[in-house]
Amino acid sequence: MPYNILVVDDSRSLRKVLIKTIRMCHIGDTSFLQAANGKEALEILNHEWVDVIFSDINMPVMDGYAFIEEVRKNDVFAQTPIIVITSETRRDEMESVLAGKIAGIVSKPFRPEDIKQYLNELLHLEEESYEYDDEPEGFDF
């Protein structure tokens, strides 16, 4: 089954690492859409269907909090799973603010196993062993 995944982060290198990590998870035919901030991501959502969103919180123009609020107001994407990828140290505060609006939080640097676990749960994939083609590059942010 083909999937569309939206990756929203102001760091181009993080977007590339996350996409490479997801590809290594072998979840099937996957297309990726990318945005550098929440405003760009909302423009993409006006024209494209996505199955899962990975979003940073701290971004220019429109941060992740505002982006998530706008996504949840949209009837079409109100139930689309959002996974926050962040280096934010106040995780408890973030979880409190985003409670009920996101599927989970993954801390930077992340492990491929964490990404794979969320994708398995959210896309209802069969659990597979965590074997990857190669080690991802650039996990030290």
Foldseek 3Di string as FASTA:
>chain_A
DEFEEEEEALDPVVVVLVVVLVVQLCPDHYDYHYYNALVRVVVVVVPDDHQEYEYEADGPPHGPLRSLVVQCVDPRRVPRAYEYEYQDPPVVVVCVSCPPRHPYYAYALGDSVVVSVSCCVSVVNDDDDPDGPDDGPDRHD
